[in-house]
Amino acid sequence: MTREKNILTTGTAPLDVAVLVMNDSNTLSLAAAVDPMRAANRVERRRLFHWHYHTATGAPARLTSGIDVPGEALARLDRCDLLLVVAGFNLERHATPALCAGLRRIAATGAAIAGIDGGPWLMATAGLLDGRCATTHWEDLDRFAARFPEITVLPHRYHIDGRFLTSGGAMPAVDMMLHLIGARFGAPLATRVAGAFIHDTPARPIRAQSRIGADPRHNHVTARASALMEQTIGAPLPVRDIARQCGVSPRVLEQNFRQRLDTTPRAHYLALRLAEARRLATDTGLPIIDIALATGFASPSSFARAFRAAHGTSARALRRVHSP
């Protein structure tokens, strides 16, 4: 029986890491996977990680930035301690039977496997996450949950379930790699590596991913309210309900938004919904009526008016501009 590797236990032996880079991956996601290992080796002045690059077929992987990453074909990889799966867009197209078979073959050796950005989608398609908990990039969470009902999908920045690790994007991947460094080689080293990147406070894995990122203008009231708004874009809550869940009155909530963000809670909520509508229009093939419903609009006409007012054009016209 193959012995499963526990890369998160304290050890001194270097970890052998295979980095599988898919076409249409983001450069930052690849850097998030590799640079923490490079920095750990540099800071510790010895080889803690040895990594090598692989691609689906042996042809260079073309990143979204236009950079080509050479690597050996996944089929030529016999074994490793950890396989990092870095993927980005066009996941259905890249999840070929051959690729999925390759992932299952490496998993059968007992290796740990970590998915970054779109990587969890490929792991799930290969059946590696069945019956497990996992996360992926927030843009794909709903689609991921619908496509893989046998997986418990979490909105966390990253999640570790046994020897399978999943993360929601580039910044959560940095946090995940720092967690690995700390668990394997000690928290002081992880802190020094984080300091090398001026990454002072790595996020806890269970912190939910955010659609809009951190805004330094927020205080605890507006940040909590904004998080609630992000979570309920498809079924907007009355402002009074948001205020109540934040432990303040509607008037105090209004004052906080005006003082901190120079806007109102209602306007901020609408801006979040319309930003998501724009993303769905440009990055997905959802019908316009489904985009309207997904962002909390009761009628196509109200959605059309709000979208045009916010973006200066219709969702349909914007989609045509952004179509390849």
C-alpha atoms as a PDB file:
ATOM      1  CA  MET A   1       0.000   0.000   0.000  1.00  0.00           C
ATOM      2  CA  THR A   2       1.357   3.425  -0.958  1.00  0.00           C
ATOM      3  CA  ARG A   3       2.277   5.554   2.022  1.00  0.00           C
ATOM      4  CA  GLU A   4       0.742   9.012   1.947  1.00  0.00           C
ATOM      5  CA  LYS A   5       3.143  11.891   2.460  1.00  0.00           C
ATOM      6  CA  ASN A   6       2.454  14.361   5.252  1.00  0.00           C
ATOM      7  CA  ILE A   7       4.319  17.464   4.169  1.00  0.00           C
ATOM      8  CA  LEU A   8       2.853  19.489   7.044  1.00  0.00           C
ATOM      9  CA  THR A   9       4.743  17.656   9.782  1.00  0.00           C
ATOM     10  CA  THR A  10       8.026  19.012  11.117  1.00  0.00           C
ATOM     11  CA  GLY A  11      10.990  17.780   9.114  1.00  0.00           C
ATOM     12  CA  THR A  12      14.438  18.700   7.917  1.00  0.00           C
ATOM     13  CA  ALA A  13      14.625  16.859   4.615  1.00  0.00           C
ATOM     14  CA  PRO A  14      14.106  19.054   1.523  1.00  0.00           C
ATOM     15  CA  LEU A  15      10.750  18.717  -0.212  1.00  0.00           C
ATOM     16  CA  ASP A  16      10.707  17.654  -3.852  1.00  0.00           C
ATOM     17  CA  VAL A  17       8.047  19.826  -5.530  1.00  0.00           C
ATOM     18  CA  ALA A  18       6.645  19.444  -9.032  1.00  0.00           C
ATOM     19  CA  VAL A  19       5.007  22.605 -10.378  1.00  0.00           C
ATOM     20  CA  LEU A  20       2.411  21.838 -13.042  1.00  0.00           C
ATOM     21  CA  VAL A  21       1.761  25.025 -15.020  1.00  0.00           C
ATOM     22  CA  MET A  22      -1.300  25.124 -17.276  1.00  0.00           C
ATOM     23  CA  ASN A  23      -1.932  27.337 -20.287  1.00  0.00           C
ATOM     24  CA  ASP A  24      -3.912  30.488 -19.418  1.00  0.00           C
ATOM     25  CA  SER A  25      -2.507  30.683 -15.885  1.00  0.00           C
ATOM     26  CA  ASN A  26      -1.797  34.034 -14.265  1.00  0.00           C
ATOM     27  CA  THR A  27       1.814  35.044 -13.720  1.00  0.00           C
ATOM     28  CA  LEU A  28       1.109  36.151 -10.164  1.00  0.00           C
ATOM     29  CA  SER A  29      -0.375  32.760  -9.282  1.00  0.00           C
ATOM     30  CA  LEU A  30       2.782  31.027 -10.502  1.00  0.00           C
ATOM     31  CA  ALA A  31       4.960  33.454  -8.547  1.00  0.00           C
ATOM     32  CA  ALA A  32       2.825  32.890  -5.440  1.00  0.00           C
ATOM     33  CA  ALA A  33       3.572  29.183  -5.682  1.00  0.00           C
ATOM     34  CA  VAL A  34       7.287  29.375  -6.372  1.00  0.00           C
ATOM     35  CA  ASP A  35       8.670  32.545  -4.781  1.00  0.00           C
ATOM     36  CA  PRO A  36       7.916  31.583  -1.147  1.00  0.00           C
ATOM     37  CA  MET A  37       9.962  28.401  -1.704  1.00  0.00           C
ATOM     38  CA  ARG A  38      12.783  30.399  -3.299  1.00  0.00           C
ATOM     39  CA  ALA A  39      12.735  32.887  -0.435  1.00  0.00           C
ATOM     40  CA  ALA A  40      12.763  30.096   2.160  1.00  0.00           C
ATOM     41  CA  ASN A  41      15.874  28.597   0.551  1.00  0.00           C
ATOM     42  CA  ARG A  42      17.567  32.000   0.453  1.00  0.00           C
ATOM     43  CA  VAL A  43      16.670  33.010   3.996  1.00  0.00           C
ATOM     44  CA  GLU A  44      17.668  29.636   5.463  1.00  0.00           C
ATOM     45  CA  ARG A  45      20.773  29.421   3.232  1.00  0.00           C
ATOM     46  CA  ARG A  46      20.119  25.796   2.381  1.00  0.00           C
ATOM     47  CA  ARG A  47      17.846  23.897   0.072  1.00  0.00           C
ATOM     48  CA  LEU A  48      14.522  23.286   1.771  1.00  0.00           C
ATOM     49  CA  PHE A  49      12.622  23.023  -1.502  1.00  0.00           C
ATOM     50  CA  HIS A  50      13.682  21.602  -4.837  1.00  0.00           C
ATOM     51  CA  TRP A  51      11.184  22.330  -7.587  1.00  0.00           C
ATOM     52  CA  HIS A  52      10.880  21.482 -11.254  1.00  0.00           C
ATOM     53  CA  TYR A  53       8.359  22.589 -13.864  1.00  0.00           C
ATOM     54  CA  HIS A  54       5.927  20.459 -15.801  1.00  0.00           C
ATOM     55  CA  THR A  55       3.232  21.190 -18.360  1.00  0.00           C
ATOM     56  CA  ALA A  56       0.284  19.174 -19.615  1.00  0.00           C
ATOM     57  CA  THR A  57       1.981  17.937 -22.789  1.00  0.00           C
ATOM     58  CA  GLY A  58       5.608  19.018 -22.608  1.00  0.00           C
ATOM     59  CA  ALA A  59       4.979  22.089 -24.763  1.00  0.00           C
ATOM     60  CA  PRO A  60       5.623  25.407 -22.957  1.00  0.00           C
ATOM     61  CA  ALA A  61       2.638  26.736 -21.028  1.00  0.00           C
ATOM     62  CA  ARG A  62       1.538  30.181 -22.226  1.00  0.00           C
ATOM     63  CA  LEU A  63       0.577  32.447 -19.310  1.00  0.00           C
ATOM     64  CA  THR A  64      -2.045  35.172 -19.631  1.00  0.00           C
ATOM     65  CA  SER A  65       0.802  37.713 -19.608  1.00  0.00           C
ATOM     66  CA  GLY A  66       2.258  36.158 -22.759  1.00  0.00           C
ATOM     67  CA  ILE A  67       5.176  34.509 -20.946  1.00  0.00           C
ATOM     68  CA  ASP A  68       5.984  30.915 -21.949  1.00  0.00           C
ATOM     69  CA  VAL A  69       6.965  28.515 -19.158  1.00  0.00           C
ATOM     70  CA  PRO A  70       8.868  25.430 -20.346  1.00  0.00           C
ATOM     71  CA  GLY A  71       8.540  22.134 -18.552  1.00  0.00           C
ATOM     72  CA  GLU A  72       8.568  18.372 -18.935  1.00  0.00           C
ATOM     73  CA  ALA A  73       5.326  16.605 -19.764  1.00  0.00           C
ATOM     74  CA  LEU A  74       3.315  15.543 -16.736  1.00  0.00           C
ATOM     75  CA  ALA A  75       3.409  11.997 -18.118  1.00  0.00           C
ATOM     76  CA  ARG A  76       7.162  11.921 -17.447  1.00  0.00           C
ATOM     77  CA  LEU A  77       6.780  12.760 -13.754  1.00  0.00           C
ATOM     78  CA  ASP A  78       7.196   9.604 -11.696  1.00  0.00           C
ATOM     79  CA  ARG A  79       6.903  10.909  -8.163  1.00  0.00           C
ATOM     80  CA  CYS A  80       7.315  13.948  -5.925  1.00  0.00           C
ATOM     81  CA  ASP A  81       6.507  15.009  -2.381  1.00  0.00           C
ATOM     82  CA  LEU A  82       4.181  17.806  -3.492  1.00  0.00           C
ATOM     83  CA  LEU A  83       2.517  18.599  -6.799  1.00  0.00           C
ATOM     84  CA  LEU A  84       1.473  22.239  -7.196  1.00  0.00           C
ATOM     85  CA  VAL A  85      -1.240  22.631  -9.841  1.00  0.00           C
ATOM     86  CA  VAL A  86      -1.308  26.200 -11.174  1.00  0.00           C
ATOM     87  CA  ALA A  87      -4.207  26.990 -13.514  1.00  0.00           C
ATOM     88  CA  GLY A  88      -6.285  30.004 -14.499  1.00  0.00           C
ATOM     89  CA  PHE A  89      -8.811  30.244 -17.320  1.00  0.00           C
ATOM     90  CA  ASN A  90     -10.482  27.818 -19.771  1.00  0.00           C
ATOM     91  CA  LEU A  91     -10.492  25.095 -17.164  1.00  0.00           C
ATOM     92  CA  GLU A  92     -13.042  22.837 -18.866  1.00  0.00           C
ATOM     93  CA  ARG A  93     -10.874  22.766 -21.986  1.00  0.00           C
ATOM     94  CA  HIS A  94      -7.689  22.015 -20.053  1.00  0.00           C
ATOM     95  CA  ALA A  95      -9.216  19.241 -17.901  1.00  0.00           C
ATOM     96  CA  THR A  96      -8.564  16.565 -20.525  1.00  0.00           C
ATOM     97  CA  PRO A  97      -8.833  12.835 -19.767  1.00  0.00           C
ATOM     98  CA  ALA A  98      -5.061  12.554 -20.096  1.00  0.00           C
ATOM     99  CA  LEU A  99      -4.431  15.358 -17.618  1.00  0.00           C
ATOM    100  CA  CYS A 100      -6.922  13.955 -15.095  1.00  0.00           C
ATOM    101  CA  ALA A 101      -5.364  10.507 -15.412  1.00  0.00           C
ATOM    102  CA  GLY A 102      -1.964  12.048 -14.757  1.00  0.00           C
ATOM    103  CA  LEU A 103      -3.203  13.784 -11.607  1.00  0.00           C
ATOM    104  CA  ARG A 104      -4.753  10.544 -10.347  1.00  0.00           C
ATOM    105  CA  ARG A 105      -1.504   8.684 -11.072  1.00  0.00           C
ATOM    106  CA  ILE A 106       0.556  11.147  -9.027  1.00  0.00           C
ATOM    107  CA  ALA A 107      -2.013  11.070  -6.221  1.00  0.00           C
ATOM    108  CA  ALA A 108      -1.728   7.274  -6.150  1.00  0.00           C
ATOM    109  CA  THR A 109       1.961   7.599  -5.264  1.00  0.00           C
ATOM    110  CA  GLY A 110       0.917   9.246  -1.985  1.00  0.00           C
ATOM    111  CA  ALA A 111       2.089  12.723  -2.980  1.00  0.00           C
ATOM    112  CA  ALA A 112       0.420  15.808  -1.560  1.00  0.00           C
ATOM    113  CA  ILE A 113      -1.368  17.868  -4.213  1.00  0.00           C
ATOM    114  CA  ALA A 114      -2.169  21.576  -3.988  1.00  0.00           C
ATOM    115  CA  GLY A 115      -4.357  23.549  -6.387  1.00  0.00           C
ATOM    116  CA  ILE A 116      -3.857  27.273  -6.937  1.00  0.00           C
ATOM    117  CA  ASP A 117      -6.392  29.619  -8.561  1.00  0.00           C
ATOM    118  CA  GLY A 118      -8.022  27.272 -11.114  1.00  0.00           C
ATOM    119  CA  GLY A 119      -5.999  24.293  -9.910  1.00  0.00           C
ATOM    120  CA  PRO A 120      -8.748  23.016  -7.577  1.00  0.00           C
ATOM    121  CA  TRP A 121     -11.062  22.710 -10.606  1.00  0.00           C
ATOM    122  CA  LEU A 122      -8.626  20.314 -12.295  1.00  0.00           C
ATOM    123  CA  MET A 123      -8.192  18.342  -9.077  1.00  0.00           C
ATOM    124  CA  ALA A 124     -11.973  18.090  -8.704  1.00  0.00           C
ATOM    125  CA  THR A 125     -12.447  16.996 -12.317  1.00  0.00           C
ATOM    126  CA  ALA A 126      -9.912  14.229 -11.680  1.00  0.00           C
ATOM    127  CA  GLY A 127     -11.981  13.074  -8.688  1.00  0.00           C
ATOM    128  CA  LEU A 128      -9.290  13.857  -6.138  1.00  0.00           C
ATOM    129  CA  LEU A 129     -11.564  16.024  -3.973  1.00  0.00           C
ATOM    130  CA  ASP A 130     -14.647  13.787  -3.823  1.00  0.00           C
ATOM    131  CA  GLY A 131     -15.995  13.687  -0.267  1.00  0.00           C
ATOM    132  CA  ARG A 132     -13.583  16.398   0.834  1.00  0.00           C
ATOM    133  CA  CYS A 133     -13.741  20.105   1.637  1.00  0.00           C
ATOM    134  CA  ALA A 134     -12.112  22.512  -0.800  1.00  0.00           C
ATOM    135  CA  THR A 135     -12.069  26.072  -2.029  1.00  0.00           C
ATOM    136  CA  THR A 136     -11.263  27.840  -5.289  1.00  0.00           C
ATOM    137  CA  HIS A 137     -11.155  31.386  -6.627  1.00  0.00           C
ATOM    138  CA  TRP A 138     -14.231  33.342  -5.526  1.00  0.00           C
ATOM    139  CA  GLU A 139     -15.257  33.961  -9.147  1.00  0.00           C
ATOM    140  CA  ASP A 140     -15.786  30.214  -9.577  1.00  0.00           C
ATOM    141  CA  LEU A 141     -17.190  29.240  -6.167  1.00  0.00           C
ATOM    142  CA  ASP A 142     -20.848  28.967  -7.228  1.00  0.00           C
ATOM    143  CA  ARG A 143     -20.043  27.207 -10.492  1.00  0.00           C
ATOM    144  CA  PHE A 144     -17.604  24.915  -8.669  1.00  0.00           C
ATOM    145  CA  ALA A 145     -20.245  23.924  -6.117  1.00  0.00           C
ATOM    146  CA  ALA A 146     -22.834  23.237  -8.828  1.00  0.00           C
ATOM    147  CA  ARG A 147     -20.398  21.248 -10.967  1.00  0.00           C
ATOM    148  CA  PHE A 148     -19.022  19.144  -8.091  1.00  0.00           C
ATOM    149  CA  PRO A 149     -21.858  18.474  -5.588  1.00  0.00           C
ATOM    150  CA  GLU A 150     -19.813  15.714  -3.932  1.00  0.00           C
ATOM    151  CA  ILE A 151     -17.367  18.354  -2.637  1.00  0.00           C
ATOM    152  CA  THR A 152     -18.061  20.585   0.361  1.00  0.00           C
ATOM    153  CA  VAL A 153     -17.166  23.978  -1.105  1.00  0.00           C
ATOM    154  CA  LEU A 154     -15.859  26.616   1.297  1.00  0.00           C
ATOM    155  CA  PRO A 155     -15.359  30.349   0.633  1.00  0.00           C
ATOM    156  CA  HIS A 156     -12.069  30.278   2.530  1.00  0.00           C
ATOM    157  CA  ARG A 157      -8.826  31.767   1.249  1.00  0.00           C
ATOM    158  CA  TYR A 158      -7.258  28.326   1.359  1.00  0.00           C
ATOM    159  CA  HIS A 159      -8.151  24.966   2.832  1.00  0.00           C
ATOM    160  CA  ILE A 160      -6.190  21.871   3.800  1.00  0.00           C
ATOM    161  CA  ASP A 161      -7.940  18.486   3.805  1.00  0.00           C
ATOM    162  CA  GLY A 162      -5.405  15.796   4.531  1.00  0.00           C
ATOM    163  CA  ARG A 163      -2.792  15.829   1.777  1.00  0.00           C
ATOM    164  CA  PHE A 164      -4.953  17.900  -0.560  1.00  0.00           C
ATOM    165  CA  LEU A 165      -4.614  21.681  -0.416  1.00  0.00           C
ATOM    166  CA  THR A 166      -6.703  24.208  -2.324  1.00  0.00           C
ATOM    167  CA  SER A 167      -6.431  27.980  -2.526  1.00  0.00           C
ATOM    168  CA  GLY A 168      -8.513  30.792  -3.938  1.00  0.00           C
ATOM    169  CA  GLY A 169      -5.961  32.736  -5.971  1.00  0.00           C
ATOM    170  CA  ALA A 170      -2.513  34.311  -5.891  1.00  0.00           C
ATOM    171  CA  MET A 171      -2.589  36.073  -2.505  1.00  0.00           C
ATOM    172  CA  PRO A 172      -4.259  33.147  -0.705  1.00  0.00           C
ATOM    173  CA  ALA A 173      -1.639  30.899  -2.318  1.00  0.00           C
ATOM    174  CA  VAL A 174       1.110  32.963  -0.681  1.00  0.00           C
ATOM    175  CA  ASP A 175      -0.655  32.454   2.660  1.00  0.00           C
ATOM    176  CA  MET A 176      -0.944  28.718   1.966  1.00  0.00           C
ATOM    177  CA  MET A 177       2.743  28.416   1.104  1.00  0.00           C
ATOM    178  CA  LEU A 178       3.706  30.359   4.238  1.00  0.00           C
ATOM    179  CA  HIS A 179       1.560  27.931   6.250  1.00  0.00           C
ATOM    180  CA  LEU A 180       3.427  25.028   4.646  1.00  0.00           C
ATOM    181  CA  ILE A 181       6.801  26.604   5.408  1.00  0.00           C
ATOM    182  CA  GLY A 182       5.795  27.214   9.021  1.00  0.00           C
ATOM    183  CA  ALA A 183       4.382  23.736   9.564  1.00  0.00           C
ATOM    184  CA  ARG A 184       7.338  21.995   7.945  1.00  0.00           C
ATOM    185  CA  PHE A 185      10.314  24.138   8.895  1.00  0.00           C
ATOM    186  CA  GLY A 186       9.087  26.281  11.783  1.00  0.00           C
ATOM    187  CA  ALA A 187       7.052  29.423  12.347  1.00  0.00           C
ATOM    188  CA  PRO A 188      10.113  31.696  12.707  1.00  0.00           C
ATOM    189  CA  LEU A 189      11.186  30.876   9.153  1.00  0.00           C
ATOM    190  CA  ALA A 190       7.667  31.512   7.822  1.00  0.00           C
ATOM    191  CA  THR A 191       7.712  34.900   9.554  1.00  0.00           C
ATOM    192  CA  ARG A 192      11.054  35.789   7.989  1.00  0.00           C
ATOM    193  CA  VAL A 193       9.851  34.757   4.535  1.00  0.00           C
ATOM    194  CA  ALA A 194       6.692  36.814   4.992  1.00  0.00           C
ATOM    195  CA  GLY A 195       8.859  39.750   6.014  1.00  0.00           C
ATOM    196  CA  ALA A 196      10.924  39.379   2.851  1.00  0.00           C
ATOM    197  CA  PHE A 197       7.725  40.058   0.893  1.00  0.00           C
ATOM    198  CA  ILE A 198       6.608  42.793   3.338  1.00  0.00           C
ATOM    199  CA  HIS A 199       3.641  40.513   4.005  1.00  0.00           C
ATOM    200  CA  ASP A 200       3.154  41.371   7.646  1.00  0.00           C
ATOM    201  CA  THR A 201      -0.062  39.579   8.566  1.00  0.00           C
ATOM    202  CA  PRO A 202      -0.740  36.418   6.557  1.00  0.00           C
ATOM    203  CA  ALA A 203      -4.482  35.776   6.621  1.00  0.00           C
ATOM    204  CA  ARG A 204      -6.074  32.877   8.438  1.00  0.00           C
ATOM    205  CA  PRO A 205      -7.266  30.222   5.974  1.00  0.00           C
ATOM    206  CA  ILE A 206     -10.918  30.436   7.052  1.00  0.00           C
ATOM    207  CA  ARG A 207     -11.197  34.150   6.316  1.00  0.00           C
ATOM    208  CA  ALA A 208     -13.632  34.491   3.453  1.00  0.00           C
ATOM    209  CA  GLN A 209     -12.380  35.662   0.083  1.00  0.00           C
ATOM    210  CA  SER A 210     -13.410  39.160  -0.913  1.00  0.00           C
ATOM    211  CA  ARG A 211     -14.634  40.283  -4.324  1.00  0.00           C
ATOM    212  CA  ILE A 212     -13.175  43.769  -3.963  1.00  0.00           C
ATOM    213  CA  GLY A 213     -10.061  43.309  -1.853  1.00  0.00           C
ATOM    214  CA  ALA A 214      -9.070  45.275   1.214  1.00  0.00           C
ATOM    215  CA  ASP A 215      -9.884  48.996   1.264  1.00  0.00           C
ATOM    216  CA  PRO A 216      -7.816  50.869   3.874  1.00  0.00           C
ATOM    217  CA  ARG A 217     -10.641  53.383   4.294  1.00  0.00           C
ATOM    218  CA  HIS A 218     -12.871  50.783   5.958  1.00  0.00           C
ATOM    219  CA  ASN A 219     -13.403  50.600   9.685  1.00  0.00           C
ATOM    220  CA  HIS A 220     -14.847  47.553  11.436  1.00  0.00           C
ATOM    221  CA  VAL A 221     -18.442  48.681  10.799  1.00  0.00           C
ATOM    222  CA  THR A 222     -18.122  49.397   7.074  1.00  0.00           C
ATOM    223  CA  ALA A 223     -15.922  46.338   6.516  1.00  0.00           C
ATOM    224  CA  ARG A 224     -18.488  44.072   8.176  1.00  0.00           C
ATOM    225  CA  ALA A 225     -21.341  45.695   6.261  1.00  0.00           C
ATOM    226  CA  SER A 226     -19.476  45.418   2.962  1.00  0.00           C
ATOM    227  CA  ALA A 227     -18.749  41.731   3.594  1.00  0.00           C
ATOM    228  CA  LEU A 228     -22.461  41.115   4.209  1.00  0.00           C
ATOM    229  CA  MET A 229     -23.283  42.949   1.003  1.00  0.00           C
ATOM    230  CA  GLU A 230     -20.809  40.824  -0.965  1.00  0.00           C
ATOM    231  CA  GLN A 231     -22.357  37.651   0.449  1.00  0.00           C
ATOM    232  CA  THR A 232     -25.891  38.689  -0.523  1.00  0.00           C
ATOM    233  CA  ILE A 233     -25.408  40.224  -3.969  1.00  0.00           C
ATOM    234  CA  GLY A 234     -28.008  37.898  -5.473  1.00  0.00           C
ATOM    235  CA  ALA A 235     -30.614  38.636  -2.825  1.00  0.00           C
ATOM    236  CA  PRO A 236     -29.923  42.119  -1.424  1.00  0.00           C
ATOM    237  CA  LEU A 237     -30.831  42.763   2.194  1.00  0.00           C
ATOM    238  CA  PRO A 238     -32.570  45.905   3.443  1.00  0.00           C
ATOM    239  CA  VAL A 239     -30.044  48.369   4.839  1.00  0.00           C
ATOM    240  CA  ARG A 240     -31.726  48.172   8.242  1.00  0.00           C
ATOM    241  CA  ASP A 241     -31.013  44.417   8.346  1.00  0.00           C
ATOM    242  CA  ILE A 242     -27.365  44.997   7.513  1.00  0.00           C
ATOM    243  CA  ALA A 243     -27.148  47.633  10.235  1.00  0.00           C
ATOM    244  CA  ARG A 244     -28.693  45.252  12.744  1.00  0.00           C
ATOM    245  CA  GLN A 245     -26.228  42.476  11.876  1.00  0.00           C
ATOM    246  CA  CYS A 246     -23.396  44.985  12.322  1.00  0.00           C
ATOM    247  CA  GLY A 247     -24.739  45.930  15.759  1.00  0.00           C
ATOM    248  CA  VAL A 248     -25.493  49.566  14.886  1.00  0.00           C
ATOM    249  CA  SER A 249     -28.499  51.638  13.918  1.00  0.00           C
ATOM    250  CA  PRO A 250     -29.203  52.488  10.251  1.00  0.00           C
ATOM    251  CA  ARG A 251     -28.276  56.106  11.042  1.00  0.00           C
ATOM    252  CA  VAL A 252     -24.897  55.134  12.502  1.00  0.00           C
ATOM    253  CA  LEU A 253     -24.245  52.853   9.540  1.00  0.00           C
ATOM    254  CA  GLU A 254     -25.013  55.725   7.187  1.00  0.00           C
ATOM    255  CA  GLN A 255     -22.666  58.033   9.098  1.00  0.00           C
ATOM    256  CA  ASN A 256     -19.837  55.499   8.948  1.00  0.00           C
ATOM    257  CA  PHE A 257     -20.172  55.032   5.196  1.00  0.00           C
ATOM    258  CA  ARG A 258     -20.258  58.769   4.571  1.00  0.00           C
ATOM    259  CA  GLN A 259     -17.293  59.470   6.837  1.00  0.00           C
ATOM    260  CA  ARG A 260     -15.129  56.545   5.695  1.00  0.00           C
ATOM    261  CA  LEU A 261     -16.116  55.932   2.052  1.00  0.00           C
ATOM    262  CA  ASP A 262     -17.853  59.172   1.077  1.00  0.00           C
ATOM    263  CA  THR A 263     -20.935  57.274  -0.051  1.00  0.00           C
ATOM    264  CA  THR A 264     -24.099  55.711   1.354  1.00  0.00           C
ATOM    265  CA  PRO A 265     -24.662  52.048   2.226  1.00  0.00           C
ATOM    266  CA  ARG A 266     -27.279  51.812  -0.524  1.00  0.00           C
ATOM    267  CA  ALA A 267     -24.963  53.263  -3.162  1.00  0.00           C
ATOM    268  CA  HIS A 268     -22.077  51.050  -2.046  1.00  0.00           C
ATOM    269  CA  TYR A 269     -24.313  47.991  -2.239  1.00  0.00           C
ATOM    270  CA  LEU A 270     -25.441  48.902  -5.744  1.00  0.00           C
ATOM    271  CA  ALA A 271     -21.846  49.477  -6.853  1.00  0.00           C
ATOM    272  CA  LEU A 272     -20.862  45.997  -5.651  1.00  0.00           C
ATOM    273  CA  ARG A 273     -23.777  44.430  -7.499  1.00  0.00           C
ATOM    274  CA  LEU A 274     -23.013  46.263 -10.727  1.00  0.00           C
ATOM    275  CA  ALA A 275     -19.291  45.447 -10.513  1.00  0.00           C
ATOM    276  CA  GLU A 276     -20.236  41.783 -10.266  1.00  0.00           C
ATOM    277  CA  ALA A 277     -22.667  42.208 -13.178  1.00  0.00           C
ATOM    278  CA  ARG A 278     -19.839  43.635 -15.279  1.00  0.00           C
ATOM    279  CA  ARG A 279     -17.607  40.683 -14.418  1.00  0.00           C
ATOM    280  CA  LEU A 280     -20.316  38.192 -15.334  1.00  0.00           C
ATOM    281  CA  ALA A 281     -20.974  40.001 -18.611  1.00  0.00           C
ATOM    282  CA  THR A 282     -17.316  40.030 -19.680  1.00  0.00           C
ATOM    283  CA  ASP A 283     -15.970  36.808 -18.150  1.00  0.00           C
ATOM    284  CA  THR A 284     -18.857  34.349 -18.521  1.00  0.00           C
ATOM    285  CA  GLY A 285     -21.403  33.285 -21.105  1.00  0.00           C
ATOM    286  CA  LEU A 286     -24.395  33.644 -18.782  1.00  0.00           C
ATOM    287  CA  PRO A 287     -27.527  35.012 -20.479  1.00  0.00           C
ATOM    288  CA  ILE A 288     -28.154  38.669 -19.597  1.00  0.00           C
ATOM    289  CA  ILE A 289     -31.386  37.797 -17.778  1.00  0.00           C
ATOM    290  CA  ASP A 290     -29.439  35.366 -15.570  1.00  0.00           C
ATOM    291  CA  ILE A 291     -26.854  38.057 -14.824  1.00  0.00           C
ATOM    292  CA  ALA A 292     -29.654  40.405 -13.765  1.00  0.00           C
ATOM    293  CA  LEU A 293     -31.092  37.777 -11.413  1.00  0.00           C
ATOM    294  CA  ALA A 294     -27.654  36.829 -10.068  1.00  0.00           C
ATOM    295  CA  THR A 295     -27.017  40.434  -9.047  1.00  0.00           C
ATOM    296  CA  GLY A 296     -30.375  41.012  -7.374  1.00  0.00           C
ATOM    297  CA  PHE A 297     -32.394  42.818 -10.041  1.00  0.00           C
ATOM    298  CA  ALA A 298     -36.063  41.908 -10.238  1.00  0.00           C
ATOM    299  CA  SER A 299     -36.532  42.918 -13.869  1.00  0.00           C
ATOM    300  CA  PRO A 300     -34.394  43.170 -17.025  1.00  0.00           C
ATOM    301  CA  SER A 301     -35.396  46.797 -17.492  1.00  0.00           C
ATOM    302  CA  SER A 302     -34.238  47.906 -14.042  1.00  0.00           C
ATOM    303  CA  PHE A 303     -30.991  45.992 -14.552  1.00  0.00           C
ATOM    304  CA  ALA A 304     -30.433  47.578 -17.978  1.00  0.00           C
ATOM    305  CA  ARG A 305     -30.944  51.110 -16.628  1.00  0.00           C
ATOM    306  CA  ALA A 306     -28.656  50.599 -13.654  1.00  0.00           C
ATOM    307  CA  PHE A 307     -25.951  48.886 -15.727  1.00  0.00           C
ATOM    308  CA  ARG A 308     -25.905  51.638 -18.356  1.00  0.00           C
ATOM    309  CA  ALA A 309     -25.800  54.354 -15.691  1.00  0.00           C
ATOM    310  CA  ALA A 310     -22.826  52.684 -14.007  1.00  0.00           C
ATOM    311  CA  HIS A 311     -20.824  51.538 -17.035  1.00  0.00           C
ATOM    312  CA  GLY A 312     -21.949  53.832 -19.838  1.00  0.00           C
ATOM    313  CA  THR A 313     -23.104  50.997 -22.074  1.00  0.00           C
ATOM    314  CA  SER A 314     -25.281  47.915 -22.015  1.00  0.00           C
ATOM    315  CA  ALA A 315     -24.137  44.533 -20.724  1.00  0.00           C
ATOM    316  CA  ARG A 316     -24.678  43.052 -24.177  1.00  0.00           C
ATOM    317  CA  ALA A 317     -22.571  45.719 -25.896  1.00  0.00           C
ATOM    318  CA  LEU A 318     -19.815  45.398 -23.294  1.00  0.00           C
ATOM    319  CA  ARG A 319     -19.755  41.646 -23.835  1.00  0.00           C
ATOM    320  CA  ARG A 320     -19.269  42.139 -27.582  1.00  0.00           C
ATOM    321  CA  VAL A 321     -16.299  44.450 -26.970  1.00  0.00           C
ATOM    322  CA  HIS A 322     -14.638  41.916 -24.676  1.00  0.00           C
ATOM    323  CA  SER A 323     -15.347  38.851 -26.792  1.00  0.00           C
ATOM    324  CA  PRO A 324     -12.201  37.243 -28.218  1.00  0.00           C
END
